[in-house]
């Protein structure tokens, strides 16, 4: 059973890696467009007084975001970096992150 699941995951990963840059961007946009609004819904639920439900939902949605979207981004990132505009934005974000974290790094 583990072998079948592993081979399915590898097959899915190979299929994703064969996508073009814009197809990869669209594939990444789908779960992101589902997860991000759920975060707002969770905050609204907590704001209505359902603290436990809202908190559990926020934790679950953030976990889903980290697991699904982050792993998918790792797979499609090489294709996305082939897009000139994406590579430019990504490099600026990395530089900004480096500058913002510089005071916290040890010499």
PDB file of N, CA and C in Angstrom:
ATOM      1  N   UNK A   1       0.810  -1.188   0.000  1.00  0.00           N
ATOM      2  CA  UNK A   1       0.000   0.000   0.000  1.00  0.00           C
ATOM      3  C   UNK A   1       0.861   1.262   0.000  1.00  0.00           C
ATOM      4  N   UNK A   2       1.938   1.247   0.754  1.00  0.00           N
ATOM      5  CA  UNK A   2       2.833   2.394   0.797  1.00  0.00           C
ATOM      6  C   UNK A   2       3.464   2.618  -0.569  1.00  0.00           C
ATOM      7  N   UNK A   3       3.805   1.537  -1.245  1.00  0.00           N
ATOM      8  CA  UNK A   3       4.418   1.658  -2.559  1.00  0.00           C
ATOM      9  C   UNK A   3       3.459   2.319  -3.545  1.00  0.00           C
ATOM     10  N   UNK A   4       2.199   1.920  -3.509  1.00  0.00           N
ATOM     11  CA  UNK A   4       1.217   2.508  -4.423  1.00  0.00           C
ATOM     12  C   UNK A   4       1.048   3.995  -4.140  1.00  0.00           C
ATOM     13  N   UNK A   5       0.970   4.351  -2.874  1.00  0.00           N
ATOM     14  CA  UNK A   5       0.815   5.753  -2.514  1.00  0.00           C
ATOM     15  C   UNK A   5       2.055   6.547  -2.920  1.00  0.00           C
ATOM     16  N   UNK A   6       3.233   5.993  -2.673  1.00  0.00           N
ATOM     17  CA  UNK A   6       4.469   6.671  -3.041  1.00  0.00           C
ATOM     18  C   UNK A   6       4.590   6.851  -4.536  1.00  0.00           C
ATOM     19  N   UNK A   7       4.212   5.828  -5.306  1.00  0.00           N
ATOM     20  CA  UNK A   7       4.309   5.946  -6.755  1.00  0.00           C
ATOM     21  C   UNK A   7       3.293   6.955  -7.287  1.00  0.00           C
ATOM     22  N   UNK A   8       2.122   7.042  -6.652  1.00  0.00           N
ATOM     23  CA  UNK A   8       1.132   8.037  -7.056  1.00  0.00           C
ATOM     24  C   UNK A   8       1.654   9.439  -6.790  1.00  0.00           C
ATOM     25  N   UNK A   9       2.271   9.635  -5.640  1.00  0.00           N
ATOM     26  CA  UNK A   9       2.831  10.944  -5.307  1.00  0.00           C
ATOM     27  C   UNK A   9       3.954  11.315  -6.268  1.00  0.00           C
ATOM     28  N   UNK A  10       4.794  10.344  -6.594  1.00  0.00           N
ATOM     29  CA  UNK A  10       5.882  10.630  -7.545  1.00  0.00           C
ATOM     30  C   UNK A  10       5.329  10.946  -8.919  1.00  0.00           C
ATOM     31  N   UNK A  11       4.293  10.216  -9.337  1.00  0.00           N
ATOM     32  CA  UNK A  11       3.672  10.483 -10.631  1.00  0.00           C
ATOM     33  C   UNK A  11       3.050  11.861 -10.684  1.00  0.00           C
ATOM     34  N   UNK A  12       2.396  12.260  -9.591  1.00  0.00           N
ATOM     35  CA  UNK A  12       1.803  13.592  -9.526  1.00  0.00           C
ATOM     36  C   UNK A  12       2.885  14.658  -9.564  1.00  0.00           C
ATOM     37  N   UNK A  13       3.976  14.428  -8.828  1.00  0.00           N
ATOM     38  CA  UNK A  13       5.081  15.390  -8.833  1.00  0.00           C
ATOM     39  C   UNK A  13       5.688  15.518 -10.230  1.00  0.00           C
ATOM     40  N   UNK A  14       5.881  14.395 -10.920  1.00  0.00           N
ATOM     41  CA  UNK A  14       6.420  14.448 -12.288  1.00  0.00           C
ATOM     42  C   UNK A  14       5.486  15.202 -13.216  1.00  0.00           C
ATOM     43  N   UNK A  15       4.175  14.984 -13.052  1.00  0.00           N
ATOM     44  CA  UNK A  15       3.201  15.690 -13.878  1.00  0.00           C
ATOM     45  C   UNK A  15       3.290  17.194 -13.631  1.00  0.00           C
ATOM     46  N   UNK A  16       3.394  17.586 -12.370  1.00  0.00           N
ATOM     47  CA  UNK A  16       3.503  19.006 -12.022  1.00  0.00           C
ATOM     48  C   UNK A  16       4.798  19.590 -12.577  1.00  0.00           C
ATOM     49  N   UNK A  17       5.899  18.855 -12.485  1.00  0.00           N
ATOM     50  CA  UNK A  17       7.187  19.347 -12.972  1.00  0.00           C
ATOM     51  C   UNK A  17       7.199  19.513 -14.486  1.00  0.00           C
ATOM     52  N   UNK A  18       6.331  18.812 -15.207  1.00  0.00           N
ATOM     53  CA  UNK A  18       6.277  18.935 -16.668  1.00  0.00           C
ATOM     54  C   UNK A  18       5.446  20.133 -17.129  1.00  0.00           C
ATOM     55  N   UNK A  19       4.736  20.773 -16.210  1.00  0.00           N
ATOM     56  CA  UNK A  19       3.917  21.932 -16.586  1.00  0.00           C
ATOM     57  C   UNK A  19       4.799  23.100 -16.996  1.00  0.00           C
ATOM     58  N   UNK A  20       4.253  23.962 -17.804  1.00  0.00           N
ATOM     59  CA  UNK A  20       4.959  25.181 -18.196  1.00  0.00           C
ATOM     60  C   UNK A  20       4.879  26.218 -17.083  1.00  0.00           C
ATOM     61  N   UNK A  21       5.573  27.346 -17.242  1.00  0.00           N
ATOM     62  CA  UNK A  21       5.589  28.366 -16.201  1.00  0.00           C
ATOM     63  C   UNK A  21       4.205  28.935 -15.860  1.00  0.00           C
ATOM     64  N   UNK A  22       3.423  29.285 -16.879  1.00  0.00           N
ATOM     65  CA  UNK A  22       2.113  29.866 -16.607  1.00  0.00           C
ATOM     66  C   UNK A  22       1.129  28.821 -16.082  1.00  0.00           C
ATOM     67  N   UNK A  23       1.249  27.588 -16.532  1.00  0.00           N
ATOM     68  CA  UNK A  23       0.420  26.516 -15.987  1.00  0.00           C
ATOM     69  C   UNK A  23       0.767  26.287 -14.515  1.00  0.00           C
ATOM     70  N   UNK A  24       2.048  26.367 -14.179  1.00  0.00           N
ATOM     71  CA  UNK A  24       2.483  26.217 -12.794  1.00  0.00           C
ATOM     72  C   UNK A  24       1.942  27.351 -11.933  1.00  0.00           C
ATOM     73  N   UNK A  25       1.954  28.564 -12.480  1.00  0.00           N
ATOM     74  CA  UNK A  25       1.421  29.707 -11.755  1.00  0.00           C
ATOM     75  C   UNK A  25      -0.070  29.524 -11.483  1.00  0.00           C
ATOM     76  N   UNK A  26      -0.797  29.049 -12.468  1.00  0.00           N
ATOM     77  CA  UNK A  26      -2.226  28.798 -12.301  1.00  0.00           C
ATOM     78  C   UNK A  26      -2.465  27.690 -11.273  1.00  0.00           C
ATOM     79  N   UNK A  27      -1.670  26.645 -11.344  1.00  0.00           N
ATOM     80  CA  UNK A  27      -1.803  25.544 -10.390  1.00  0.00           C
ATOM     81  C   UNK A  27      -1.551  26.032  -8.966  1.00  0.00           C
ATOM     82  N   UNK A  28      -0.594  26.891  -8.781  1.00  0.00           N
ATOM     83  CA  UNK A  28      -0.298  27.456  -7.457  1.00  0.00           C
ATOM     84  C   UNK A  28      -1.396  28.418  -7.009  1.00  0.00           C
ATOM     85  N   UNK A  29      -2.007  29.108  -7.950  1.00  0.00           N
ATOM     86  CA  UNK A  29      -3.046  30.086  -7.612  1.00  0.00           C
ATOM     87  C   UNK A  29      -4.323  29.425  -7.101  1.00  0.00           C
ATOM     88  N   UNK A  30      -4.611  28.224  -7.552  1.00  0.00           N
ATOM     89  CA  UNK A  30      -5.865  27.568  -7.156  1.00  0.00           C
ATOM     90  C   UNK A  30      -5.916  27.295  -5.648  1.00  0.00           C
ATOM     91  N   UNK A  31      -4.969  26.553  -5.067  1.00  0.00           N
ATOM     92  CA  UNK A  31      -5.076  26.334  -3.617  1.00  0.00           C
ATOM     93  C   UNK A  31      -4.876  27.616  -2.810  1.00  0.00           C
ATOM     94  N   UNK A  32      -4.063  28.526  -3.317  1.00  0.00           N
ATOM     95  CA  UNK A  32      -3.856  29.791  -2.616  1.00  0.00           C
ATOM     96  C   UNK A  32      -5.155  30.584  -2.571  1.00  0.00           C
ATOM     97  N   UNK A  33      -5.881  30.601  -3.672  1.00  0.00           N
ATOM     98  CA  UNK A  33      -7.141  31.350  -3.705  1.00  0.00           C
ATOM     99  C   UNK A  33      -8.219  30.693  -2.854  1.00  0.00           C
ATOM    100  N   UNK A  34      -8.053  29.431  -2.512  1.00  0.00           N
ATOM    101  CA  UNK A  34      -8.995  28.768  -1.616  1.00  0.00           C
ATOM    102  C   UNK A  34      -8.600  28.940  -0.155  1.00  0.00           C
ATOM    103  N   UNK A  35      -7.313  28.877   0.136  1.00  0.00           N
ATOM    104  CA  UNK A  35      -6.830  28.913   1.516  1.00  0.00           C
ATOM    105  C   UNK A  35      -6.911  30.317   2.102  1.00  0.00           C
ATOM    106  N   UNK A  36      -6.513  31.319   1.364  1.00  0.00           N
ATOM    107  CA  UNK A  36      -6.458  32.673   1.911  1.00  0.00           C
ATOM    108  C   UNK A  36      -7.830  33.196   2.349  1.00  0.00           C
ATOM    109  N   UNK A  37      -8.897  33.045   1.567  1.00  0.00           N
ATOM    110  CA  UNK A  37     -10.210  33.494   2.056  1.00  0.00           C
ATOM    111  C   UNK A  37     -10.681  32.716   3.295  1.00  0.00           C
ATOM    112  N   UNK A  38     -10.273  31.460   3.407  1.00  0.00           N
ATOM    113  CA  UNK A  38     -10.655  30.684   4.587  1.00  0.00           C
ATOM    114  C   UNK A  38     -10.072  31.276   5.864  1.00  0.00           C
ATOM    115  N   UNK A  39      -8.917  31.907   5.753  1.00  0.00           N
ATOM    116  CA  UNK A  39      -8.329  32.577   6.920  1.00  0.00           C
ATOM    117  C   UNK A  39      -9.235  33.716   7.376  1.00  0.00           C
ATOM    118  N   UNK A  40      -9.766  34.473   6.434  1.00  0.00           N
ATOM    119  CA  UNK A  40     -10.674  35.571   6.773  1.00  0.00           C
ATOM    120  C   UNK A  40     -11.977  35.034   7.361  1.00  0.00           C
ATOM    121  N   UNK A  41     -12.470  33.941   6.826  1.00  0.00           N
ATOM    122  CA  UNK A  41     -13.685  33.321   7.360  1.00  0.00           C
ATOM    123  C   UNK A  41     -13.451  32.884   8.799  1.00  0.00           C
ATOM    124  N   UNK A  42     -12.289  32.306   9.061  1.00  0.00           N
ATOM    125  CA  UNK A  42     -11.965  31.858  10.417  1.00  0.00           C
ATOM    126  C   UNK A  42     -11.930  33.030  11.387  1.00  0.00           C
ATOM    127  N   UNK A  43     -11.378  34.153  10.964  1.00  0.00           N
ATOM    128  CA  UNK A  43     -11.345  35.347  11.817  1.00  0.00           C
ATOM    129  C   UNK A  43     -12.770  35.852  12.056  1.00  0.00           C
ATOM    130  N   UNK A  44     -13.603  35.821  11.024  1.00  0.00           N
ATOM    131  CA  UNK A  44     -14.989  36.258  11.172  1.00  0.00           C
ATOM    132  C   UNK A  44     -15.745  35.348  12.147  1.00  0.00           C
ATOM    133  N   UNK A  45     -15.498  34.059  12.068  1.00  0.00           N
ATOM    134  CA  UNK A  45     -16.143  33.117  12.984  1.00  0.00           C
ATOM    135  C   UNK A  45     -15.710  33.394  14.417  1.00  0.00           C
ATOM    136  N   UNK A  46     -14.420  33.634  14.608  1.00  0.00           N
ATOM    137  CA  UNK A  46     -13.929  33.976  15.952  1.00  0.00           C
ATOM    138  C   UNK A  46     -14.521  35.302  16.410  1.00  0.00           C
ATOM    139  N   UNK A  47     -14.677  36.241  15.504  1.00  0.00           N
ATOM    140  CA  UNK A  47     -15.243  37.542  15.831  1.00  0.00           C
ATOM    141  C   UNK A  47     -16.706  37.483  16.220  1.00  0.00           C
ATOM    142  N   UNK A  48     -17.392  36.457  15.777  1.00  0.00           N
ATOM    143  CA  UNK A  48     -18.800  36.274  16.133  1.00  0.00           C
ATOM    144  C   UNK A  48     -18.962  35.651  17.514  1.00  0.00           C
ATOM    145  N   UNK A  49     -17.839  35.380  18.175  1.00  0.00           N
ATOM    146  CA  UNK A  49     -17.908  34.822  19.519  1.00  0.00           C
ATOM    147  C   UNK A  49     -17.613  33.336  19.597  1.00  0.00           C
ATOM    148  N   UNK A  50     -17.371  32.707  18.478  1.00  0.00           N
ATOM    149  CA  UNK A  50     -17.044  31.276  18.448  1.00  0.00           C
ATOM    150  C   UNK A  50     -15.526  31.129  18.480  1.00  0.00           C
ATOM    151  N   UNK A  51     -14.939  31.431  19.638  1.00  0.00           N
ATOM    152  CA  UNK A  51     -13.486  31.490  19.772  1.00  0.00           C
ATOM    153  C   UNK A  51     -12.813  30.160  19.490  1.00  0.00           C
ATOM    154  N   UNK A  52     -13.341  29.095  20.038  1.00  0.00           N
ATOM    155  CA  UNK A  52     -12.694  27.786  19.877  1.00  0.00           C
ATOM    156  C   UNK A  52     -12.772  27.346  18.422  1.00  0.00           C
ATOM    157  N   UNK A  53     -13.955  27.439  17.828  1.00  0.00           N
ATOM    158  CA  UNK A  53     -14.116  27.050  16.419  1.00  0.00           C
ATOM    159  C   UNK A  53     -13.230  27.908  15.520  1.00  0.00           C
ATOM    160  N   UNK A  54     -13.227  29.214  15.753  1.00  0.00           N
ATOM    161  CA  UNK A  54     -12.410  30.118  14.946  1.00  0.00           C
ATOM    162  C   UNK A  54     -10.932  29.835  15.089  1.00  0.00           C
ATOM    163  N   UNK A  55     -10.505  29.585  16.327  1.00  0.00           N
ATOM    164  CA  UNK A  55      -9.086  29.305  16.568  1.00  0.00           C
ATOM    165  C   UNK A  55      -8.668  27.992  15.926  1.00  0.00           C
ATOM    166  N   UNK A  56      -9.487  26.963  16.078  1.00  0.00           N
ATOM    167  CA  UNK A  56      -9.172  25.671  15.460  1.00  0.00           C
ATOM    168  C   UNK A  56      -9.125  25.809  13.942  1.00  0.00           C
ATOM    169  N   UNK A  57     -10.064  26.571  13.408  1.00  0.00           N
ATOM    170  CA  UNK A  57     -10.085  26.764  11.951  1.00  0.00           C
ATOM    171  C   UNK A  57      -8.864  27.541  11.480  1.00  0.00           C
ATOM    172  N   UNK A  58      -8.472  28.571  12.220  1.00  0.00           N
ATOM    173  CA  UNK A  58      -7.281  29.345  11.843  1.00  0.00           C
ATOM    174  C   UNK A  58      -6.045  28.446  11.844  1.00  0.00           C
ATOM    175  N   UNK A  59      -5.894  27.643  12.886  1.00  0.00           N
ATOM    176  CA  UNK A  59      -4.743  26.731  12.968  1.00  0.00           C
ATOM    177  C   UNK A  59      -4.767  25.735  11.811  1.00  0.00           C
ATOM    178  N   UNK A  60      -5.946  25.168  11.529  1.00  0.00           N
ATOM    179  CA  UNK A  60      -6.061  24.186  10.444  1.00  0.00           C
ATOM    180  C   UNK A  60      -5.765  24.814   9.088  1.00  0.00           C
ATOM    181  N   UNK A  61      -6.259  26.013   8.849  1.00  0.00           N
ATOM    182  CA  UNK A  61      -6.055  26.669   7.558  1.00  0.00           C
ATOM    183  C   UNK A  61      -4.585  27.061   7.384  1.00  0.00           C
ATOM    184  N   UNK A  62      -3.957  27.549   8.450  1.00  0.00           N
ATOM    185  CA  UNK A  62      -2.531  27.874   8.351  1.00  0.00           C
ATOM    186  C   UNK A  62      -1.702  26.615   8.114  1.00  0.00           C
ATOM    187  N   UNK A  63      -2.075  25.522   8.764  1.00  0.00           N
ATOM    188  CA  UNK A  63      -1.364  24.259   8.545  1.00  0.00           C
ATOM    189  C   UNK A  63      -1.539  23.803   7.099  1.00  0.00           C
ATOM    190  N   UNK A  64      -2.764  23.902   6.587  1.00  0.00           N
ATOM    191  CA  UNK A  64      -3.019  23.525   5.201  1.00  0.00           C
ATOM    192  C   UNK A  64      -2.208  24.415   4.262  1.00  0.00           C
ATOM    193  N   UNK A  65      -2.142  25.690   4.584  1.00  0.00           N
ATOM    194  CA  UNK A  65      -1.375  26.618   3.766  1.00  0.00           C
ATOM    195  C   UNK A  65       0.098  26.236   3.760  1.00  0.00           C
ATOM    196  N   UNK A  66       0.626  25.953   4.930  1.00  0.00           N
ATOM    197  CA  UNK A  66       2.044  25.586   5.017  1.00  0.00           C
ATOM    198  C   UNK A  66       2.334  24.289   4.290  1.00  0.00           C
ATOM    199  N   UNK A  67       1.505  23.302   4.505  1.00  0.00           N
ATOM    200  CA  UNK A  67       1.774  21.984   3.922  1.00  0.00           C
ATOM    201  C   UNK A  67       1.513  21.967   2.422  1.00  0.00           C
ATOM    202  N   UNK A  68       0.328  22.382   2.026  1.00  0.00           N
ATOM    203  CA  UNK A  68      -0.052  22.259   0.616  1.00  0.00           C
ATOM    204  C   UNK A  68       0.604  23.317  -0.264  1.00  0.00           C
ATOM    205  N   UNK A  69       0.398  24.569   0.064  1.00  0.00           N
ATOM    206  CA  UNK A  69       0.880  25.650  -0.800  1.00  0.00           C
ATOM    207  C   UNK A  69       2.407  25.722  -0.797  1.00  0.00           C
ATOM    208  N   UNK A  70       3.017  25.560   0.370  1.00  0.00           N
ATOM    209  CA  UNK A  70       4.484  25.634   0.440  1.00  0.00           C
ATOM    210  C   UNK A  70       5.131  24.501  -0.342  1.00  0.00           C
ATOM    211  N   UNK A  71       4.629  23.295  -0.178  1.00  0.00           N
ATOM    212  CA  UNK A  71       5.212  22.160  -0.924  1.00  0.00           C
ATOM    213  C   UNK A  71       4.987  22.303  -2.419  1.00  0.00           C
ATOM    214  N   UNK A  72       3.818  22.770  -2.798  1.00  0.00           N
ATOM    215  CA  UNK A  72       3.546  22.989  -4.212  1.00  0.00           C
ATOM    216  C   UNK A  72       4.458  24.073  -4.767  1.00  0.00           C
ATOM    217  N   UNK A  73       4.681  25.140  -3.998  1.00  0.00           N
ATOM    218  CA  UNK A  73       5.569  26.213  -4.446  1.00  0.00           C
ATOM    219  C   UNK A  73       6.989  25.699  -4.649  1.00  0.00           C
ATOM    220  N   UNK A  74       7.453  24.842  -3.769  1.00  0.00           N
ATOM    221  CA  UNK A  74       8.806  24.281  -3.911  1.00  0.00           C
ATOM    222  C   UNK A  74       8.919  23.525  -5.233  1.00  0.00           C
ATOM    223  N   UNK A  75       7.864  22.830  -5.618  1.00  0.00           N
ATOM    224  CA  UNK A  75       7.899  22.056  -6.866  1.00  0.00           C
ATOM    225  C   UNK A  75       7.862  22.966  -8.087  1.00  0.00           C
ATOM    226  N   UNK A  76       7.020  24.003  -8.057  1.00  0.00           N
ATOM    227  CA  UNK A  76       6.842  24.840  -9.259  1.00  0.00           C
ATOM    228  C   UNK A  76       7.789  26.034  -9.322  1.00  0.00           C
ATOM    229  N   UNK A  77       8.518  26.315  -8.251  1.00  0.00           N
ATOM    230  CA  UNK A  77       9.395  27.491  -8.219  1.00  0.00           C
ATOM    231  C   UNK A  77      10.401  27.541  -9.380  1.00  0.00           C
ATOM    232  N   UNK A  78      11.068  26.447  -9.733  1.00  0.00           N
ATOM    233  CA  UNK A  78      11.997  26.533 -10.877  1.00  0.00           C
ATOM    234  C   UNK A  78      11.311  26.988 -12.171  1.00  0.00           C
ATOM    235  N   UNK A  79      10.079  26.545 -12.386  1.00  0.00           N
ATOM    236  CA  UNK A  79       9.351  26.981 -13.589  1.00  0.00           C
ATOM    237  C   UNK A  79       8.962  28.448 -13.481  1.00  0.00           C
ATOM    238  N   UNK A  80       8.532  28.854 -12.290  1.00  0.00           N
ATOM    239  CA  UNK A  80       8.123  30.252 -12.103  1.00  0.00           C
ATOM    240  C   UNK A  80       9.297  31.199 -12.299  1.00  0.00           C
ATOM    241  N   UNK A  81      10.487  30.782 -11.909  1.00  0.00           N
ATOM    242  CA  UNK A  81      11.658  31.637 -12.059  1.00  0.00           C
ATOM    243  C   UNK A  81      12.058  31.834 -13.523  1.00  0.00           C
ATOM    244  N   UNK A  82      11.459  31.068 -14.429  1.00  0.00           N
ATOM    245  CA  UNK A  82      11.698  31.278 -15.856  1.00  0.00           C
ATOM    246  C   UNK A  82      10.922  32.484 -16.375  1.00  0.00           C
ATOM    247  N   UNK A  83       9.922  32.903 -15.612  1.00  0.00           N
ATOM    248  CA  UNK A  83       9.179  34.112 -15.970  1.00  0.00           C
ATOM    249  C   UNK A  83       9.987  35.315 -15.492  1.00  0.00           C
ATOM    250  N   UNK A  84      10.361  36.183 -16.402  1.00  0.00           N
ATOM    251  CA  UNK A  84      11.241  37.307 -16.068  1.00  0.00           C
ATOM    252  C   UNK A  84      10.662  38.160 -14.945  1.00  0.00           C
ATOM    253  N   UNK A  85       9.388  38.501 -15.035  1.00  0.00           N
ATOM    254  CA  UNK A  85       8.767  39.359 -14.026  1.00  0.00           C
ATOM    255  C   UNK A  85       8.741  38.676 -12.665  1.00  0.00           C
ATOM    256  N   UNK A  86       8.491  37.356 -12.652  1.00  0.00           N
ATOM    257  CA  UNK A  86       8.458  36.643 -11.377  1.00  0.00           C
ATOM    258  C   UNK A  86       9.855  36.575 -10.766  1.00  0.00           C
ATOM    259  N   UNK A  87      10.848  36.310 -11.588  1.00  0.00           N
ATOM    260  CA  UNK A  87      12.227  36.238 -11.096  1.00  0.00           C
ATOM    261  C   UNK A  87      12.661  37.582 -10.509  1.00  0.00           C
ATOM    262  N   UNK A  88      12.254  38.666 -11.145  1.00  0.00           N
ATOM    263  CA  UNK A  88      12.589  39.994 -10.647  1.00  0.00           C
ATOM    264  C   UNK A  88      11.927  40.263  -9.292  1.00  0.00           C
ATOM    265  N   UNK A  89      10.638  39.964  -9.194  1.00  0.00           N
ATOM    266  CA  UNK A  89       9.914  40.166  -7.935  1.00  0.00           C
ATOM    267  C   UNK A  89      10.479  39.267  -6.838  1.00  0.00           C
ATOM    268  N   UNK A  90      10.746  38.012  -7.186  1.00  0.00           N
ATOM    269  CA  UNK A  90      11.279  37.061  -6.202  1.00  0.00           C
ATOM    270  C   UNK A  90      12.648  37.520  -5.681  1.00  0.00           C
ATOM    271  N   UNK A  91      13.519  37.975  -6.567  1.00  0.00           N
ATOM    272  CA  UNK A  91      14.841  38.417  -6.118  1.00  0.00           C
ATOM    273  C   UNK A  91      14.728  39.650  -5.227  1.00  0.00           C
ATOM    274  N   UNK A  92      13.798  40.549  -5.536  1.00  0.00           N
ATOM    275  CA  UNK A  92      13.598  41.727  -4.674  1.00  0.00           C
ATOM    276  C   UNK A  92      13.078  41.319  -3.292  1.00  0.00           C
ATOM    277  N   UNK A  93      12.203  40.340  -3.253  1.00  0.00           N
ATOM    278  CA  UNK A  93      11.697  39.860  -1.961  1.00  0.00           C
ATOM    279  C   UNK A  93      12.807  39.212  -1.133  1.00  0.00           C
ATOM    280  N   UNK A  94      13.675  38.456  -1.791  1.00  0.00           N
ATOM    281  CA  UNK A  94      14.784  37.818  -1.085  1.00  0.00           C
ATOM    282  C   UNK A  94      15.744  38.878  -0.540  1.00  0.00           C
ATOM    283  N   UNK A  95      16.033  39.894  -1.336  1.00  0.00           N
ATOM    284  CA  UNK A  95      16.910  40.980  -0.884  1.00  0.00           C
ATOM    285  C   UNK A  95      16.279  41.707   0.296  1.00  0.00           C
ATOM    286  N   UNK A  96      14.985  41.987   0.210  1.00  0.00           N
ATOM    287  CA  UNK A  96      14.286  42.655   1.306  1.00  0.00           C
ATOM    288  C   UNK A  96      14.325  41.802   2.575  1.00  0.00           C
ATOM    289  N   UNK A  97      14.092  40.512   2.431  1.00  0.00           N
ATOM    290  CA  UNK A  97      14.155  39.615   3.587  1.00  0.00           C
ATOM    291  C   UNK A  97      15.549  39.613   4.200  1.00  0.00           C
ATOM    292  N   UNK A  98      16.554  39.592   3.370  1.00  0.00           N
ATOM    293  CA  UNK A  98      17.939  39.614   3.854  1.00  0.00           C
ATOM    294  C   UNK A  98      18.222  40.894   4.633  1.00  0.00           C
ATOM    295  N   UNK A  99      17.787  42.027   4.099  1.00  0.00           N
ATOM    296  CA  UNK A  99      18.019  43.314   4.767  1.00  0.00           C
ATOM    297  C   UNK A  99      17.254  43.413   6.087  1.00  0.00           C
ATOM    298  N   UNK A 100      16.035  42.904   6.111  1.00  0.00           N
ATOM    299  CA  UNK A 100      15.236  42.976   7.328  1.00  0.00           C
ATOM    300  C   UNK A 100      15.756  42.055   8.428  1.00  0.00           C
ATOM    301  N   UNK A 101      16.364  40.942   8.044  1.00  0.00           N
ATOM    302  CA  UNK A 101      16.872  39.996   9.041  1.00  0.00           C
ATOM    303  C   UNK A 101      18.318  40.250   9.398  1.00  0.00           C
ATOM    304  N   UNK A 102      18.982  41.157   8.710  1.00  0.00           N
ATOM    305  CA  UNK A 102      20.413  41.430   8.964  1.00  0.00           C
ATOM    306  C   UNK A 102      20.704  41.810  10.422  1.00  0.00           C
ATOM    307  N   UNK A 103      19.889  42.642  11.066  1.00  0.00           N
ATOM    308  CA  UNK A 103      20.202  43.001  12.456  1.00  0.00           C
ATOM    309  C   UNK A 103      20.119  41.823  13.440  1.00  0.00           C
ATOM    310  N   UNK A 104      19.437  40.762  13.046  1.00  0.00           N
ATOM    311  CA  UNK A 104      19.226  39.637  13.944  1.00  0.00           C
ATOM    312  C   UNK A 104      20.236  38.506  13.739  1.00  0.00           C
ATOM    313  N   UNK A 105      21.056  38.638  12.717  1.00  0.00           N
ATOM    314  CA  UNK A 105      22.086  37.622  12.451  1.00  0.00           C
ATOM    315  C   UNK A 105      23.312  37.895  13.272  1.00  0.00           C
ATOM    316  N   UNK A 106      23.962  36.846  13.719  1.00  0.00           N
ATOM    317  CA  UNK A 106      25.193  36.979  14.496  1.00  0.00           C
ATOM    318  C   UNK A 106      26.393  37.145  13.562  1.00  0.00           C
ATOM    319  N   UNK A 107      27.366  37.845  14.039  1.00  0.00           N
ATOM    320  CA  UNK A 107      28.566  38.098  13.246  1.00  0.00           C
ATOM    321  C   UNK A 107      29.467  36.904  13.205  1.00  0.00           C
TER     322      UNK A 107
END
